[in-house]
Amino acid sequence: RLQLIIGTQISFGDGKQGSNQNLEPRRKGAKDSFQYPLEGYAKKNEIECENHLRVVLLAQNREGYGNLSELITRGRRNAEKGEYRLSRNDLGKGLEHCLALWLPPAQAQPEDVQWLTERFPGRTWIGVELLARGGDWDRLEALQRLGRQTGLPLTACGDVHMHVRGRRALQDIVTCIREHTTIDTAGRLLEANAERHLKSPQEMMRLFRK
């Protein structure tokens, strides 16, 4: 399974869409090379295939949007109408103007690091999401260790699904429509809380202050 979230970077630092100044790695010696805040999305898609990898691709410029458009078209052509199908080979080239945020599983595989850094040299970050789930801080510490081991900088992410917390009810309804179920029977198909909303830089800094 490959989960690919396609979007555009929103820089909270200067308010300019498409800027990548917040993604610059810190100087050598900076503690854990941790940066925040980082990402929001104008568009978001999940694409499944046989490989286990979760990556966020961010367009840096107009050429990057073209890269993503070509990738979406390729995924659609590989599958039935209304679906996507991509393999790692589809990410092997043609994404030179995109940045990659890797969202590692609980047991990160070293070959995934090598595979990503070869295809996105100097453009790969480890994405960290703190969504008020059990074990958030243990997860953060594990990813900080992974960053030190691999040399990849960490960046704060929000897995944004809605623009404000109050849209949680609408998010649940949309999920039920997509999954052809009801609120009463959806169960764990629904998010556990409303943390996947767009947060201010100040709130992101508070969450990741540790």
Protein backbone atom coordinates (compact mmCIF):
# COMPACT_ATOMS: atom_id res chain seq x y z
CA ARG A 1 0.00 0.00 0.00
CA LEU A 2 1.37 3.39 -0.98
CA GLN A 3 -0.45 6.36 0.44
CA LEU A 4 0.42 9.45 -1.51
CA ILE A 5 -0.99 12.77 -0.39
CA ILE A 6 -0.63 15.30 -3.17
CA GLY A 7 -0.78 18.92 -2.22
CA THR A 8 0.78 22.33 -2.30
CA GLN A 9 2.90 23.83 0.42
CA ILE A 10 1.51 26.80 2.29
CA SER A 11 4.18 28.85 4.00
CA PHE A 12 2.89 30.28 7.26
CA GLY A 13 6.06 32.27 7.72
CA ASP A 14 5.40 34.99 5.15
CA GLY A 15 1.91 34.08 3.96
CA LYS A 16 3.07 33.37 0.41
CA GLN A 17 1.78 30.21 -1.17
CA GLY A 18 4.44 28.11 -2.86
CA SER A 19 7.39 29.46 -0.86
CA ASN A 20 9.73 26.85 0.56
CA GLN A 21 11.70 29.00 2.99
CA ASN A 22 10.36 27.11 6.02
CA LEU A 23 11.74 23.86 4.60
CA GLU A 24 15.39 24.87 4.65
CA PRO A 25 17.32 22.46 6.92
CA ARG A 26 18.77 24.05 10.00
CA ARG A 27 22.50 24.59 10.29
CA LYS A 28 24.61 21.69 11.46
CA GLY A 29 24.54 21.25 15.19
CA ALA A 30 21.01 22.57 15.67
CA LYS A 31 19.16 20.43 18.18
CA ASP A 32 17.37 17.56 16.36
CA SER A 33 17.09 19.75 13.23
CA PHE A 34 13.42 20.24 14.11
CA GLN A 35 11.37 22.86 12.26
CA TYR A 36 7.82 24.18 12.55
CA PRO A 37 5.28 24.97 11.35
CA LEU A 38 5.23 23.49 7.90
CA GLU A 39 2.33 22.34 5.87
CA GLY A 40 -1.19 22.90 4.74
CA TYR A 41 -2.94 21.69 1.66
CA ALA A 42 -4.89 23.10 -1.23
CA LYS A 43 -5.53 19.62 -2.60
CA LYS A 44 -5.14 16.17 -1.16
CA ASN A 45 -5.45 12.66 -2.62
CA GLU A 46 -4.72 9.21 -1.29
CA ILE A 47 -3.41 6.68 -3.79
CA GLU A 48 -3.08 2.98 -2.98
CA CYS A 49 -0.82 0.35 -4.45
CA GLU A 50 1.06 -2.73 -3.34
CA ASN A 51 3.93 -0.85 -1.64
CA HIS A 52 3.94 0.29 1.97
CA LEU A 53 4.95 3.94 1.94
CA ARG A 54 3.36 7.22 2.97
CA VAL A 55 4.69 10.35 1.33
CA VAL A 56 3.47 13.93 1.06
CA LEU A 57 4.48 15.64 -2.17
CA LEU A 58 4.58 19.43 -2.22
CA ALA A 59 4.88 21.52 -5.38
CA GLN A 60 7.54 24.22 -5.09
CA ASN A 61 6.61 26.16 -8.21
CA ARG A 62 4.66 26.05 -11.47
CA GLU A 63 6.80 23.21 -12.79
CA GLY A 64 6.04 21.27 -9.62
CA TYR A 65 2.31 21.59 -10.23
CA GLY A 66 2.96 20.17 -13.70
CA ASN A 67 4.87 17.26 -12.14
CA LEU A 68 1.93 16.49 -9.86
CA SER A 69 -0.61 16.79 -12.67
CA GLU A 70 1.33 14.27 -14.75
CA LEU A 71 1.54 11.90 -11.78
CA ILE A 72 -2.22 12.13 -11.15
CA THR A 73 -2.91 11.45 -14.82
CA ARG A 74 -0.62 8.43 -14.75
CA GLY A 75 -2.34 7.07 -11.66
CA ARG A 76 -5.77 7.46 -13.21
CA ARG A 77 -4.76 5.77 -16.43
CA ASN A 78 -3.45 2.78 -14.48
CA ALA A 79 -6.79 2.10 -12.78
CA GLU A 80 -10.54 1.93 -13.26
CA LYS A 81 -12.46 5.18 -13.47
CA GLY A 82 -12.58 6.99 -10.13
CA GLU A 83 -9.54 5.17 -8.75
CA TYR A 84 -5.75 5.56 -8.73
CA ARG A 85 -2.98 3.00 -9.01
CA LEU A 86 0.70 3.88 -8.66
CA SER A 87 3.83 1.94 -7.81
CA ARG A 88 7.18 3.22 -6.59
CA ASN A 89 8.40 3.13 -10.17
CA ASP A 90 5.95 5.94 -10.96
CA LEU A 91 7.76 8.17 -8.48
CA GLY A 92 11.18 7.37 -9.88
CA LYS A 93 11.39 10.41 -12.17
CA GLY A 94 9.51 13.48 -13.29
CA LEU A 95 9.14 15.05 -9.81
CA GLU A 96 12.23 17.27 -9.80
CA HIS A 97 10.27 20.34 -8.67
CA CYS A 98 8.54 18.64 -5.73
CA LEU A 99 9.47 18.18 -2.09
CA ALA A 100 8.88 14.93 -0.20
CA LEU A 101 7.66 14.60 3.38
CA TRP A 102 8.02 11.02 4.56
CA LEU A 103 5.51 9.79 7.17
CA PRO A 104 7.25 6.68 8.53
CA PRO A 105 5.39 3.67 9.97
CA ALA A 106 5.95 2.51 13.53
CA GLN A 107 8.81 0.32 12.29
CA ALA A 108 10.64 2.42 9.72
CA GLN A 109 12.56 0.55 7.04
CA PRO A 110 16.11 1.73 6.18
CA GLU A 111 15.53 0.94 2.50
CA ASP A 112 12.69 3.49 2.44
CA VAL A 113 15.11 6.22 3.55
CA GLN A 114 17.59 5.28 0.83
CA TRP A 115 14.86 5.04 -1.81
CA LEU A 116 13.43 8.48 -1.00
CA THR A 117 16.72 10.32 -0.64
CA GLU A 118 17.93 8.95 -3.98
CA ARG A 119 14.83 10.28 -5.73
CA PHE A 120 14.47 13.50 -3.74
CA PRO A 121 18.08 14.46 -2.94
CA GLY A 122 18.14 17.36 -0.50
CA ARG A 123 14.34 17.52 -0.73
CA THR A 124 13.28 14.88 1.80
CA TRP A 125 11.98 15.50 5.33
CA ILE A 126 10.48 13.32 8.04
CA GLY A 127 6.94 14.49 8.77
CA VAL A 128 5.77 14.44 12.38
CA GLU A 129 2.07 14.55 13.32
CA LEU A 130 0.88 15.10 16.90
CA LEU A 131 -2.87 14.54 16.83
CA ALA A 132 -3.70 13.89 20.50
CA ARG A 133 -3.51 10.15 20.08
CA GLY A 134 -2.08 7.81 22.65
CA GLY A 135 1.69 7.63 22.45
CA ASP A 136 2.25 10.93 20.64
CA TRP A 137 5.34 11.84 22.65
CA ASP A 138 6.84 8.36 22.35
CA ARG A 139 6.29 8.64 18.61
CA LEU A 140 8.01 12.04 18.53
CA GLU A 141 11.04 10.72 20.41
CA ALA A 142 11.27 7.73 18.06
CA LEU A 143 11.19 10.00 15.00
CA GLN A 144 13.82 12.29 16.52
CA ARG A 145 16.09 9.24 16.90
CA LEU A 146 15.31 8.27 13.31
CA GLY A 147 16.23 11.77 12.16
CA ARG A 148 19.58 11.61 13.92
CA GLN A 149 20.29 8.15 12.47
CA THR A 150 19.39 9.06 8.89
CA GLY A 151 20.46 12.70 8.83
CA LEU A 152 16.99 13.75 7.65
CA PRO A 153 15.46 16.87 9.26
CA LEU A 154 12.08 16.67 10.95
CA THR A 155 9.16 18.92 10.10
CA ALA A 156 5.86 19.53 11.88
CA CYS A 157 2.73 18.38 10.04
CA GLY A 158 -0.96 18.53 10.82
CA ASP A 159 -2.63 15.98 8.48
CA VAL A 160 -5.13 18.75 7.74
CA HIS A 161 -8.67 17.61 6.83
CA MET A 162 -10.62 20.77 7.70
CA HIS A 163 -9.94 24.47 8.07
CA VAL A 164 -11.40 24.84 11.60
CA ARG A 165 -12.14 22.44 14.43
CA GLY A 166 -15.86 23.15 14.20
CA ARG A 167 -16.04 21.36 10.84
CA ARG A 168 -15.59 17.97 12.51
CA ALA A 169 -19.28 17.06 12.01
CA LEU A 170 -19.06 17.82 8.29
CA GLN A 171 -15.86 15.79 8.03
CA ASP A 172 -17.65 12.82 9.59
CA ILE A 173 -20.54 13.15 7.14
CA VAL A 174 -18.19 13.28 4.15
CA THR A 175 -16.40 10.18 5.46
CA CYS A 176 -19.69 8.32 5.74
CA ILE A 177 -20.66 9.30 2.20
CA ARG A 178 -17.32 8.07 0.88
CA GLU A 179 -17.54 4.79 2.81
CA HIS A 180 -21.25 4.23 2.07
CA THR A 181 -22.17 3.99 5.73
CA THR A 182 -23.91 6.00 8.46
CA ILE A 183 -22.76 7.97 11.48
CA ASP A 184 -24.23 5.33 13.80
CA THR A 185 -22.35 2.46 12.19
CA ALA A 186 -19.14 4.14 10.96
CA GLY A 187 -17.21 3.41 14.14
CA ARG A 188 -13.45 3.66 13.65
CA LEU A 189 -13.84 4.90 10.10
CA LEU A 190 -14.30 8.31 11.74
CA GLU A 191 -11.43 10.28 13.23
CA ALA A 192 -11.01 9.99 16.98
CA ASN A 193 -10.99 13.76 17.50
CA ALA A 194 -11.01 17.11 15.69
CA GLU A 195 -7.24 17.71 15.75
CA ARG A 196 -6.84 17.48 11.97
CA HIS A 197 -7.70 21.14 11.44
CA LEU A 198 -5.50 23.95 10.13
CA LYS A 199 -3.54 25.40 13.06
CA SER A 200 -1.86 28.75 13.49
CA PRO A 201 1.95 28.97 13.68
CA GLN A 202 1.63 29.77 17.39
CA GLU A 203 -0.44 26.63 18.05
CA MET A 204 1.98 24.46 16.07
CA MET A 205 4.88 25.87 18.06
CA ARG A 206 3.06 25.11 21.31
CA LEU A 207 2.32 21.53 20.25
CA PHE A 208 5.91 20.82 19.22
CA ARG A 209 7.65 22.80 21.95
CA LYS A 210 9.03 19.70 23.68
